[in-house]
Each structure stands twice: as structure tokens, then as C-alpha cells.
Protein backbone atom coordinates (compact mmCIF):
# COMPACT_ATOMS: atom_id res chain seq x y z
CA MET A 1 -21.33 9.79 54.77
CA GLN A 2 -20.31 7.14 52.26
CA PHE A 3 -17.09 5.15 52.28
CA ASP A 4 -15.30 3.86 49.24
CA PHE A 5 -14.99 0.28 50.43
CA PHE A 6 -13.64 -0.89 47.07
CA ASN A 7 -10.71 1.50 47.25
CA ASP A 8 -10.07 0.57 50.89
CA ASN A 9 -10.07 -3.13 50.07
CA GLN A 10 -7.85 -2.54 47.06
CA ALA A 11 -5.32 -0.74 49.25
CA VAL A 12 -5.28 -3.67 51.67
CA VAL A 13 -4.62 -6.08 48.80
CA LEU A 14 -1.80 -3.92 47.46
CA ARG A 15 -0.19 -3.56 50.88
CA ASN A 16 -0.36 -7.32 51.34
CA ASP A 17 1.41 -7.75 48.01
CA VAL A 18 4.30 -5.66 49.33
CA ILE A 19 4.37 -7.54 52.63
CA PHE A 20 4.30 -10.91 50.87
CA ALA A 21 7.30 -9.95 48.76
CA LEU A 22 9.15 -8.69 51.85
CA GLU A 23 8.47 -11.97 53.63
CA LYS A 24 10.02 -13.77 50.65
CA PHE A 25 13.00 -11.36 50.80
CA ASP A 26 12.32 -10.42 47.20
CA ALA A 27 13.34 -6.77 47.14
CA PRO A 28 12.62 -6.12 43.42
CA ALA A 29 9.12 -7.62 43.70
CA ALA A 30 8.48 -5.65 46.87
CA GLN A 31 9.60 -2.45 45.17
CA GLN A 32 7.31 -3.09 42.22
CA ALA A 33 4.37 -3.84 44.52
CA CYS A 34 5.08 -0.68 46.52
CA GLU A 35 5.08 1.42 43.34
CA THR A 36 1.68 -0.04 42.46
CA LEU A 37 0.44 0.83 45.94
CA THR A 38 1.60 4.45 45.72
CA ARG A 39 0.06 4.84 42.26
CA HIS A 40 -3.22 3.70 43.73
CA ASP A 41 -2.85 6.05 46.70
CA PRO A 42 0.20 8.35 46.90
CA TYR A 43 -0.67 9.11 50.54
CA ASP A 44 -1.11 5.55 51.81
CA VAL A 45 0.14 5.52 55.41
CA ALA A 46 1.98 2.21 54.98
CA ALA A 47 3.94 3.23 51.88
CA VAL A 48 6.79 5.11 53.57
CA PRO A 49 7.60 2.48 56.25
CA LEU A 50 7.31 -0.31 53.68
CA LEU A 51 9.69 1.54 51.37
CA LEU A 52 12.23 1.74 54.19
CA LEU A 53 12.04 -2.03 54.63
CA ILE A 54 12.55 -2.50 50.90
CA VAL A 55 15.66 -0.31 51.00
CA THR A 56 16.87 -2.39 53.96
CA LEU A 57 16.57 -5.54 51.89
CA PHE A 58 18.42 -4.01 48.94
CA GLU A 59 21.22 -2.89 51.27
CA SER A 60 21.45 -6.11 53.29
CA THR A 61 24.78 -7.92 53.28
CA THR A 62 26.37 -11.04 54.72
CA ILE A 63 29.80 -9.44 55.12
CA PRO A 64 31.05 -10.12 58.69
CA PHE A 65 31.34 -7.15 61.01
CA GLN A 66 34.88 -5.85 61.20
CA SER A 67 34.48 -4.17 64.59
CA HIS A 68 32.23 -3.97 67.63
CA THR A 69 31.47 -0.37 66.66
CA ASP A 70 30.07 -1.48 63.29
CA MET A 71 27.95 -4.11 64.99
CA ARG A 72 26.58 -1.63 67.49
CA ALA A 73 25.62 0.82 64.75
CA ALA A 74 23.76 -1.90 62.83
CA CYS A 75 21.90 -3.03 65.95
CA LEU A 76 20.86 0.52 66.83
CA GLU A 77 19.55 1.07 63.31
CA LEU A 78 17.50 -2.13 63.53
CA GLN A 79 16.13 -1.19 66.95
CA ARG A 80 15.38 2.48 66.42
CA LYS A 81 14.63 2.80 62.71
CA ILE A 82 13.76 -0.50 61.09
CA THR A 83 11.69 -2.03 63.92
CA PRO A 84 9.17 0.87 64.14
CA ALA A 85 8.89 0.88 60.34
CA ALA A 86 8.23 -2.86 60.23
CA ILE A 87 5.49 -2.63 62.86
CA ALA A 88 3.88 0.36 61.11
CA GLY A 89 4.05 -1.16 57.64
CA MET A 90 3.50 -4.88 58.26
CA GLY A 91 1.60 -5.04 61.54
CA PRO A 92 2.99 -6.54 64.78
CA ALA A 93 2.69 -10.25 63.97
CA ALA A 94 4.24 -10.15 60.50
CA ALA A 95 6.80 -7.59 61.66
CA ASN A 96 8.04 -9.75 64.54
CA ALA A 97 8.61 -12.72 62.25
CA TRP A 98 10.37 -10.57 59.68
CA LEU A 99 12.49 -8.79 62.27
CA ASN A 100 13.62 -12.12 63.70
CA THR A 101 15.26 -12.84 60.36
CA ARG A 102 17.00 -9.47 60.49
CA TRP A 103 18.39 -10.24 63.96
CA GLN A 104 19.55 -13.64 62.73
CA ALA A 105 21.35 -11.96 59.85
CA LEU A 106 23.14 -9.59 62.23
CA ALA A 107 24.04 -12.47 64.55
CA ALA A 108 25.57 -14.40 61.64
CA ARG A 109 27.65 -11.36 60.73
CA ALA A 110 28.83 -11.05 64.35
CA VAL A 111 29.92 -14.66 64.85
CA ALA A 112 33.59 -13.92 64.27
CA LEU A 113 33.75 -10.99 66.71
CA PRO A 114 35.42 -12.06 69.96
CA TYR A 115 33.96 -11.18 73.33
CA HIS A 116 35.53 -7.96 74.60
CA THR A 117 35.10 -6.60 78.13
CA GLY A 118 35.15 -3.09 76.68
CA HIS A 119 32.03 -3.97 74.65
CA PRO A 120 30.23 -6.28 77.11
CA ASP A 121 26.92 -6.43 75.23
CA GLU A 122 28.23 -6.49 71.66
CA HIS A 123 28.46 -10.14 70.77
CA ALA A 124 26.59 -12.63 68.60
CA ALA A 125 24.95 -14.34 71.61
CA PRO A 126 22.47 -11.58 72.55
CA LEU A 127 21.56 -11.21 68.87
CA TRP A 128 20.72 -14.93 68.68
CA LEU A 129 18.63 -14.46 71.82
CA GLN A 130 16.80 -11.55 70.21
CA ALA A 131 16.06 -13.83 67.25
CA ARG A 132 14.87 -16.59 69.64
CA GLN A 133 17.60 -18.94 68.42
CA TRP A 134 18.33 -20.45 71.82
CA GLN A 135 20.80 -23.16 70.85
CA ALA A 136 22.79 -20.80 68.65
CA ALA A 137 22.99 -18.36 71.58
CA ALA A 138 24.19 -21.08 73.97
CA ASP A 139 26.78 -22.25 71.44
CA ALA A 140 28.05 -18.69 70.99
CA VAL A 141 28.45 -18.21 74.76
CA ALA A 142 30.25 -21.53 75.09
CA GLN A 143 33.03 -20.13 72.88
CA ILE A 144 33.79 -17.38 75.43
CA ALA A 145 36.61 -18.27 77.81
CA SER A 146 35.48 -18.36 81.46
CA TRP A 147 31.95 -17.34 80.47
CA ARG A 148 30.62 -18.57 83.79
CA ARG A 149 32.63 -15.90 85.62
CA ILE A 150 31.57 -12.95 83.45
CA PRO A 151 28.19 -11.27 84.05
CA ALA A 152 27.03 -10.72 80.46
CA PRO A 153 27.85 -14.17 79.03
CA LEU A 154 26.53 -15.87 82.16
CA SER A 155 23.21 -14.03 81.78
CA TRP A 156 23.00 -14.97 78.10
CA MET A 157 23.67 -18.63 78.86
CA LEU A 158 21.07 -18.68 81.63
CA HIS A 159 18.49 -17.09 79.31
CA ALA A 160 19.22 -19.61 76.56
CA ARG A 161 19.27 -22.64 78.84
CA LEU A 162 16.01 -21.67 80.53
CA GLN A 163 14.42 -21.88 77.10
CA LEU A 164 16.21 -25.11 76.16
CA GLN A 165 16.15 -27.01 79.45
CA GLY A 166 13.71 -25.28 81.78
CA LEU A 167 14.14 -23.85 85.26
CA GLN A 168 14.80 -26.98 87.32
CA ALA A 169 18.07 -27.75 85.53
CA ASN A 170 19.37 -24.21 85.87
CA TRP A 171 18.97 -23.10 89.46
CA GLY A 172 22.74 -23.36 89.87
CA LEU A 173 23.43 -20.90 87.04
CA LEU A 174 20.68 -18.64 88.36
CA ALA A 175 22.31 -18.51 91.79
CA GLU A 176 25.70 -17.70 90.29
CA LEU A 177 24.22 -14.85 88.27
CA ALA A 178 22.39 -13.49 91.31
CA TRP A 179 25.66 -13.27 93.23
CA LEU A 180 27.63 -11.86 90.32
CA ALA A 181 25.16 -9.46 88.66
CA PRO A 182 21.71 -9.13 90.25
CA GLN A 183 20.68 -6.46 87.72
CA ARG A 184 21.21 -8.91 84.88
CA LEU A 185 19.27 -11.58 86.75
CA GLU A 186 16.32 -9.20 86.99
CA HIS A 187 16.42 -8.78 83.20
CA VAL A 188 16.52 -12.55 82.62
CA VAL A 189 13.59 -13.09 85.00
CA GLN A 190 11.56 -10.49 83.10
CA GLN A 191 12.40 -12.05 79.72
CA ALA A 192 12.07 -15.73 80.60
CA ALA A 193 8.72 -17.46 80.15
CA GLU A 194 9.01 -19.17 83.55
CA PRO A 195 5.85 -18.61 85.64
CA ILE A 196 7.31 -20.25 88.75
CA LEU A 197 10.43 -18.11 88.64
CA GLN A 198 8.46 -14.93 88.04
CA ALA A 199 6.06 -15.77 90.89
CA LEU A 200 8.94 -16.42 93.28
CA ALA A 201 10.64 -13.18 92.24
CA ARG A 202 7.43 -11.22 92.92
CA LYS A 203 7.01 -12.89 96.30
CA PHE A 204 10.62 -12.11 97.16
CA GLU A 205 10.22 -8.48 96.13
CA GLU A 206 7.08 -8.10 98.21
CA GLY A 207 8.25 -9.92 101.32
CA PHE A 208 12.01 -9.57 101.65
CA GLU A 209 12.96 -6.69 103.95
CA GLY A 210 16.09 -5.59 102.16
CA ALA A 211 17.23 -2.29 100.68
CA GLY A 212 14.30 -2.29 98.28
CA ASP A 213 16.34 -2.24 95.08
CA THR A 214 17.62 -4.70 92.48
CA ASP A 215 20.73 -5.46 94.52
CA ASP A 216 18.50 -7.36 96.96
CA LEU A 217 18.42 -10.17 94.39
CA VAL A 218 21.86 -11.30 95.57
CA TRP A 219 19.92 -12.88 98.46
CA PHE A 220 17.31 -14.49 96.22
CA PRO A 221 18.92 -17.96 95.95
CA ALA A 222 19.14 -18.26 99.74
CA TRP A 223 15.62 -16.85 100.21
CA VAL A 224 14.17 -19.32 97.70
CA LEU A 225 15.06 -22.11 100.14
CA THR A 226 12.86 -20.55 102.81
CA ASP A 227 9.91 -20.84 100.41
CA ARG A 228 10.89 -23.96 98.44
CA PRO A 229 13.24 -26.11 100.58
CA THR A 230 12.89 -28.94 98.06
CA LEU A 231 15.08 -26.89 95.70
CA ALA A 232 18.15 -27.49 97.86
CA PRO A 233 19.54 -30.30 95.63
CA ALA A 234 19.14 -28.13 92.51
CA LEU A 235 20.89 -25.17 94.14
CA THR A 236 23.84 -27.29 95.23
CA GLN A 237 24.78 -27.33 91.53
CA ALA A 238 25.94 -23.70 91.83
CA GLN A 239 29.69 -23.48 91.47
CA ALA A 240 31.77 -21.62 94.05
CA SER A 241 31.76 -17.93 93.21
CA GLN A 242 33.35 -15.08 95.17
CA HIS A 243 32.42 -16.42 98.63
CA THR A 244 30.30 -13.35 99.38
CA GLN A 245 27.82 -13.29 102.25
CA PRO A 246 24.83 -14.04 99.97
CA GLU A 247 26.64 -17.12 98.66
CA GLN A 248 27.56 -18.20 102.17
CA ALA A 249 23.95 -17.69 103.24
CA MET A 250 22.62 -20.04 100.56
CA ARG A 251 25.10 -22.73 101.51
CA VAL A 252 24.27 -22.28 105.20
CA MET A 253 20.58 -22.65 104.32
CA ILE A 254 21.28 -25.91 102.45
CA GLU A 255 23.22 -27.27 105.42
CA LEU A 256 20.56 -26.06 107.84
CA LEU A 257 17.77 -27.84 105.99
CA GLY A 258 19.81 -31.04 106.05
CA LEU A 259 20.47 -30.73 109.77
CA GLU A 260 16.77 -30.20 110.46
CA ARG A 261 15.90 -33.40 108.62
CA GLN A 262 18.48 -35.25 110.70
CA GLY A 263 17.17 -33.79 113.96
CA ARG A 264 20.58 -32.41 114.98
CA GLN A 265 19.18 -29.62 117.10
CA ARG A 266 22.44 -28.29 118.53
CA ASP A 267 23.91 -27.89 115.04
CA VAL A 268 20.64 -26.38 113.83
CA LEU A 269 20.86 -23.66 116.48
CA ALA A 270 24.49 -22.92 115.55
CA HIS A 271 23.63 -22.61 111.86
CA ARG A 272 20.65 -20.39 112.64
CA LYS A 273 23.00 -18.07 114.53
CA THR A 274 25.34 -17.99 111.54
CA LEU A 275 22.44 -17.25 109.20
CA ARG A 276 21.25 -14.38 111.38
CA GLY A 277 24.74 -12.93 111.36
CA LEU A 278 24.77 -12.95 107.57
CA ASN A 279 21.40 -11.26 107.00
CA ASP A 280 18.60 -10.38 109.42
CA ALA A 281 15.94 -10.22 106.69
CA LEU A 282 16.84 -13.68 105.43
CA TYR A 283 16.85 -15.05 108.95
CA ALA A 284 13.41 -13.54 109.55
CA ALA A 285 12.07 -15.13 106.36
CA TYR A 286 13.47 -18.49 107.42
CA MET A 287 12.08 -18.29 110.96
CA ALA A 288 8.64 -17.26 109.65
CA THR A 289 8.36 -20.78 108.20
CA ARG A 290 9.30 -22.49 111.47
């Protein structure tokens, strides 16, 4: 069997011409290059997805979204239609870079939309996160009143600040999110490039004898102190939340560690009793280190 290497190489060159024009956001040039590609091979597998991206460029706009519904529709189209086409037509690396610009464009159009509890995930901040524009995401969250008391904005701010400042400076925010919305904390842990945090989360999941679901993460800030007691000063930065048992447990742990250092044995025993009353699994994890 013989292969027509010249034709294959020519197709690669022609596809790259289309991709180069797309990367320059030059829709007319991309269209012309795509027509050349299809003349060379009407059945080229990349032609259809590349054509969709060209149409997307021609139809792109900077007009601000007028409603959360409009924003949601645009995001779904980018996720479900344009993203697969970009990967198929451009390849993963080029597609990711190009798609980041599309997310940035949507985020810019969403800047004027206020945060609305009826549309908790439809805001500019998560779009900036998707585009890896961490400071823009943090700035967008900062415009939301009482963002630190609302699960979605708090999770966005934690995600952004982990990228901007690192883990050590954000244990307080992490604790607050754990108490308020453990499911969102799980998502942030999965998305964040923080090996220490991910390792601690795995260790917690494997060793903490809780209910065995995501809600167990409400106890994560307190449990962390059984494994990393040196994190106590960082966790004291957590603001008062809803005074739930998991929050009380973390604060008892911080006090307990301080009492141990001071050798105040009677107070240590009293705090251990309080800790056990709050959560047997947490108490067992603490005692396993003593």
C-alpha cells in the first residue's frame, strides 16, 4: 500500500493556515484559508469544526449581556458546541489558548450583570476563572456585597486567591467555605494546583470516619490541625461563621493545641471532653496523634 504523503502534508499546511488566522481572530482570512482547504479535500475531517469556529468569530460581539439567561445560553454554547469543535479542529493545545480568549470575551460582556441569588453561578467571576484570569476574578467577586457569606462568591474568591497568593495565606477562607458549602470546597480542591491541599484532602477522605460523603468536609479544617498543628495560626484567620459544631471544633482544636504547649493538663482534659462531644471521629483522629 502506498500513501500520498504530499497530499497529507499539504492538508496539514492548509489546516495550519486556517488555525493561524483563527488565532489572529481574522475571520475573513480564516474563511478564505478554509475554502482552500476544502477545495484541496472536500472531506477533510477538520473542515467542519474549523468552519464552526470561523462562524463564531464572525458572530462575536462585545455587546454586554442584558440578562442572566442570555449569559447562560452563551456559556452553554461555548461549553457544548464550540469547545468540542475547537479541540477537533485545532488540537488540544491551540484550542485551549483560543478558548481562553472566548471565555474572556464572555466575562467582559458579563461584567455589568449583578450577582443574583436566583442565578448563583451566572456571574463574570467564574468566567474569569475559566479564562485563568485570577485577578480579574478576584476583583469581580470583591464587587459582590457580603461575598464572604455567600457560597458561590466565596468559592470563586478562594479559587482566585489560591492562584494569586498560595495556600498558606488562605486557610481562613478555606475553613469558612468548608463550613458554609463543603461541596464547593471539594470543587475548589479538585481545580486548585495545590499539592499539599490535595494530599491532605485525600488523607482526610481515607482516614476520617465520617458519613463517607462530601458533607464530611465541614470537619476538614478541624481535622487538618490533627495532622498539621502548625497551621493553627493560619486557621485563626477564619472569620466567625454560623457557629456550627464543625466551626466550634476547629476553634476548640486551636485552643487545645495552645493549652498542650502551656502544659495546662486540667484544661487540656476539659477541652478534649468538649472535642469528643462535638465529633467522635475528629476526637479519634486527634487522640491517634497523642
